[in-house]
Amino acid sequence: MKIRSELIDELVKDYQKPEDILGEGGLLKLLYLSLRNIAKKWTMPIKNWRDALNQFATLFEGRMPLA
């Protein structure tokens, strides 16, 4: 739980930089870059990931390959 709150705090901190807010395109780019930075720091395996993938494959049939 502590790790999640730290990652969320880091994401919020990135959004509070006024020089980075350049309109909708800038916000989307900032969100993408923030999530990419968070993903680099993520070290824990995701619980039940196989179950989640199966759900995604069902919801997005034809758009998400299982292999």
C-alpha atoms as a PDB file:
ATOM      1  CA  MET A   1       0.000   0.000   0.000  1.00  0.00           C
ATOM      2  CA  LYS A   2       2.856   2.374   0.808  1.00  0.00           C
ATOM      3  CA  ILE A   3       4.463   1.782  -2.588  1.00  0.00           C
ATOM      4  CA  ARG A   4       1.225   2.648  -4.385  1.00  0.00           C
ATOM      5  CA  SER A   5       0.806   5.911  -2.491  1.00  0.00           C
ATOM      6  CA  GLU A   6       4.408   6.885  -3.231  1.00  0.00           C
ATOM      7  CA  LEU A   7       3.890   6.256  -6.944  1.00  0.00           C
ATOM      8  CA  ILE A   8       0.650   8.241  -6.946  1.00  0.00           C
ATOM      9  CA  ASP A   9       2.346  11.091  -5.073  1.00  0.00           C
ATOM     10  CA  GLU A  10       5.096  11.147  -7.696  1.00  0.00           C
ATOM     11  CA  LEU A  11       2.539  11.278 -10.504  1.00  0.00           C
ATOM     12  CA  VAL A  12       0.686  14.154  -8.816  1.00  0.00           C
ATOM     13  CA  LYS A  13       3.980  15.981  -8.265  1.00  0.00           C
ATOM     14  CA  ASP A  14       4.683  15.784 -12.004  1.00  0.00           C
ATOM     15  CA  TYR A  15       1.310  17.380 -12.757  1.00  0.00           C
ATOM     16  CA  GLN A  16       2.008  20.307 -10.443  1.00  0.00           C
ATOM     17  CA  LYS A  17       4.868  21.629 -12.577  1.00  0.00           C
ATOM     18  CA  PRO A  18       3.316  24.613 -14.428  1.00  0.00           C
ATOM     19  CA  GLU A  19       5.968  24.676 -17.166  1.00  0.00           C
ATOM     20  CA  ASP A  20       4.891  21.181 -18.242  1.00  0.00           C
ATOM     21  CA  ILE A  21       1.218  22.027 -18.776  1.00  0.00           C
ATOM     22  CA  LEU A  22       0.930  22.962 -22.444  1.00  0.00           C
ATOM     23  CA  GLY A  23      -2.707  22.181 -23.167  1.00  0.00           C
ATOM     24  CA  GLU A  24      -4.364  18.845 -23.803  1.00  0.00           C
ATOM     25  CA  GLY A  25      -1.508  17.448 -25.904  1.00  0.00           C
ATOM     26  CA  GLY A  26       1.009  18.471 -23.270  1.00  0.00           C
ATOM     27  CA  LEU A  27      -1.060  16.888 -20.511  1.00  0.00           C
ATOM     28  CA  LEU A  28      -1.330  13.611 -22.408  1.00  0.00           C
ATOM     29  CA  LYS A  29       2.403  13.613 -23.049  1.00  0.00           C
ATOM     30  CA  LEU A  30       3.073  14.383 -19.379  1.00  0.00           C
ATOM     31  CA  LEU A  31       0.776  11.553 -18.285  1.00  0.00           C
ATOM     32  CA  TYR A  32       2.514   9.139 -20.669  1.00  0.00           C
ATOM     33  CA  LEU A  33       5.991  10.134 -19.491  1.00  0.00           C
ATOM     34  CA  SER A  34       4.971   9.982 -15.823  1.00  0.00           C
ATOM     35  CA  LEU A  35       3.522   6.501 -16.211  1.00  0.00           C
ATOM     36  CA  ARG A  36       6.626   5.400 -18.107  1.00  0.00           C
ATOM     37  CA  ASN A  37       8.818   6.605 -15.223  1.00  0.00           C
ATOM     38  CA  ILE A  38       6.613   4.803 -12.716  1.00  0.00           C
ATOM     39  CA  ALA A  39       6.800   1.603 -14.778  1.00  0.00           C
ATOM     40  CA  LYS A  40      10.607   1.742 -14.711  1.00  0.00           C
ATOM     41  CA  LYS A  41      10.545   1.798 -10.896  1.00  0.00           C
ATOM     42  CA  TRP A  42       7.945  -0.967 -10.553  1.00  0.00           C
ATOM     43  CA  THR A  43       9.654  -4.120  -9.265  1.00  0.00           C
ATOM     44  CA  MET A  44       6.822  -6.177  -7.791  1.00  0.00           C
ATOM     45  CA  PRO A  45       5.022  -8.790  -9.891  1.00  0.00           C
ATOM     46  CA  ILE A  46       1.366  -8.079 -10.576  1.00  0.00           C
ATOM     47  CA  LYS A  47      -0.965 -10.409  -8.679  1.00  0.00           C
ATOM     48  CA  ASN A  48      -3.311 -12.494 -10.821  1.00  0.00           C
ATOM     49  CA  TRP A  49      -1.888 -11.031 -14.041  1.00  0.00           C
ATOM     50  CA  ARG A  50      -2.837 -14.139 -16.049  1.00  0.00           C
ATOM     51  CA  ASP A  51      -6.470 -13.756 -14.928  1.00  0.00           C
ATOM     52  CA  ALA A  52      -6.392 -10.076 -15.881  1.00  0.00           C
ATOM     53  CA  LEU A  53      -5.004 -10.890 -19.338  1.00  0.00           C
ATOM     54  CA  ASN A  54      -7.783 -13.412 -19.888  1.00  0.00           C
ATOM     55  CA  GLN A  55     -10.371 -10.779 -18.938  1.00  0.00           C
ATOM     56  CA  PHE A  56      -8.805  -8.241 -21.309  1.00  0.00           C
ATOM     57  CA  ALA A  57      -8.796 -10.816 -24.103  1.00  0.00           C
ATOM     58  CA  THR A  58     -12.503 -11.452 -23.498  1.00  0.00           C
ATOM     59  CA  LEU A  59     -13.403  -7.761 -23.329  1.00  0.00           C
ATOM     60  CA  PHE A  60     -11.283  -6.750 -26.316  1.00  0.00           C
ATOM     61  CA  GLU A  61     -11.751  -9.802 -28.510  1.00  0.00           C
ATOM     62  CA  GLY A  62      -9.649  -9.615 -31.643  1.00  0.00           C
ATOM     63  CA  ARG A  63      -7.605  -6.694 -30.327  1.00  0.00           C
ATOM     64  CA  MET A  64      -5.573  -8.526 -27.697  1.00  0.00           C
ATOM     65  CA  PRO A  65      -3.683 -11.677 -28.656  1.00  0.00           C
ATOM     66  CA  LEU A  66      -3.327 -14.345 -25.971  1.00  0.00           C
ATOM     67  CA  ALA A  67       0.029 -15.649 -27.203  1.00  0.00           C
END
